[in-house]
Every structure is written in structure tokens, then in C-alpha cells.
Amino acid sequence: MLQAVHPPDLITVDPEILGGTPVFRGTRVPVKTLFDYLEGNYSLDEFIECFPSVPRELACRVLERSEAALLTAS
């Protein structure tokens, strides 16, 4: 179950990086920031523009995995 929530190829959870806040792998950008942007009616393009250290493909894969995890949860 933890694997689906924090896939290690996409997300890093390390107490040494932002106190263990889940971040995009290879960055210090919290994953929650992407969801905050989308909830605030910002586009994925705007998020990428503001956080260029997060590759578009990485952000898309996190969204896809999140969708899959939510749709398969019972």
C-alpha cells in the first residue's frame, strides 16, 4: 500500500529533505504544491513554469499514479 502512495521512482520521503514532506524525486518541491496549484485553478503549465526543477513528465506521472490509487482504493 505504501508503494502506491509514495512510489520511489516519483516521490522522495526523507526526513533530511523538508522534514520528510513528500517531494518530487530529485527536487525539494513538495508534491502537495502541485495539487494546491491545480485546486487553485492554475494549469499544469503554470506549475511547471513556477517550478522548472520538476519535469513535466514527472508531474504527469504523479498525477496518473494518484488517479490510479484513488480509483482502485476500496
Protein backbone atom coordinates (compact mmCIF):
# COMPACT_ATOMS: atom_id res chain seq x y z
CA MET A 1 0.00 0.00 0.00
CA LEU A 2 2.77 2.47 0.87
CA GLN A 3 4.38 1.77 -2.51
CA ALA A 4 1.26 3.04 -4.30
CA VAL A 5 1.09 6.16 -2.14
CA HIS A 6 4.78 7.05 -2.35
CA PRO A 7 6.23 5.43 -5.46
CA PRO A 8 10.01 5.73 -5.00
CA ASP A 9 10.61 6.38 -8.69
CA LEU A 10 8.48 9.54 -8.49
CA ILE A 11 8.44 10.78 -4.92
CA THR A 12 11.05 11.05 -2.18
CA VAL A 13 10.17 10.98 1.52
CA ASP A 14 13.30 11.72 3.51
CA PRO A 15 13.47 13.30 6.98
CA GLU A 16 16.52 15.26 5.76
CA ILE A 17 14.51 16.90 2.96
CA LEU A 18 11.86 19.35 4.18
CA GLY A 19 11.36 17.27 7.33
CA GLY A 20 10.03 14.25 5.46
CA THR A 21 7.47 16.08 3.34
CA PRO A 22 6.86 14.08 0.13
CA VAL A 23 8.73 15.86 -2.68
CA PHE A 24 9.18 15.21 -6.38
CA ARG A 25 12.19 12.92 -6.77
CA GLY A 26 15.39 14.88 -7.31
CA THR A 27 13.85 18.17 -6.13
CA ARG A 28 12.82 19.97 -2.99
CA VAL A 29 9.36 20.74 -4.40
CA PRO A 30 6.55 19.28 -2.27
CA VAL A 31 4.09 17.13 -4.21
CA LYS A 32 1.28 18.91 -2.37
CA THR A 33 2.26 22.11 -4.16
CA LEU A 34 1.15 20.61 -7.48
CA PHE A 35 -2.26 19.74 -6.02
CA ASP A 36 -2.52 23.19 -4.43
CA TYR A 37 -1.88 24.80 -7.82
CA LEU A 38 -4.47 22.64 -9.54
CA GLU A 39 -7.02 23.28 -6.78
CA GLY A 40 -6.33 27.00 -7.23
CA ASN A 41 -7.31 26.74 -10.91
CA TYR A 42 -3.74 27.05 -12.14
CA SER A 43 -2.73 24.88 -15.06
CA LEU A 44 -0.04 22.24 -15.15
CA ASP A 45 1.90 24.58 -17.46
CA GLU A 46 1.80 27.32 -14.82
CA PHE A 47 3.05 24.90 -12.16
CA ILE A 48 5.93 23.79 -14.41
CA GLU A 49 6.78 27.42 -15.17
CA CYS A 50 6.96 28.24 -11.45
CA PHE A 51 8.85 25.05 -10.56
CA PRO A 52 11.13 24.29 -13.51
CA SER A 53 13.07 21.69 -11.50
CA VAL A 54 10.02 19.40 -11.81
CA PRO A 55 9.98 17.83 -15.28
CA ARG A 56 6.56 17.80 -16.93
CA GLU A 57 6.67 14.01 -17.34
CA LEU A 58 7.34 13.56 -13.62
CA ALA A 59 4.37 15.76 -12.67
CA CYS A 60 2.13 13.91 -15.13
CA ARG A 61 3.20 10.52 -13.80
CA VAL A 62 2.47 11.60 -10.22
CA LEU A 63 -1.00 12.71 -11.29
CA GLU A 64 -1.59 9.45 -13.16
CA ARG A 65 -0.46 7.34 -10.21
CA SER A 66 -2.59 9.41 -7.84
CA GLU A 67 -5.63 8.89 -10.05
CA ALA A 68 -4.98 5.16 -10.27
CA ALA A 69 -4.53 4.87 -6.50
CA LEU A 70 -7.78 6.72 -5.86
CA LEU A 71 -9.77 4.73 -8.42
CA THR A 72 -8.53 1.36 -7.18
CA ALA A 73 -8.95 2.13 -3.47
CA SER A 74 -11.91 0.39 -1.91
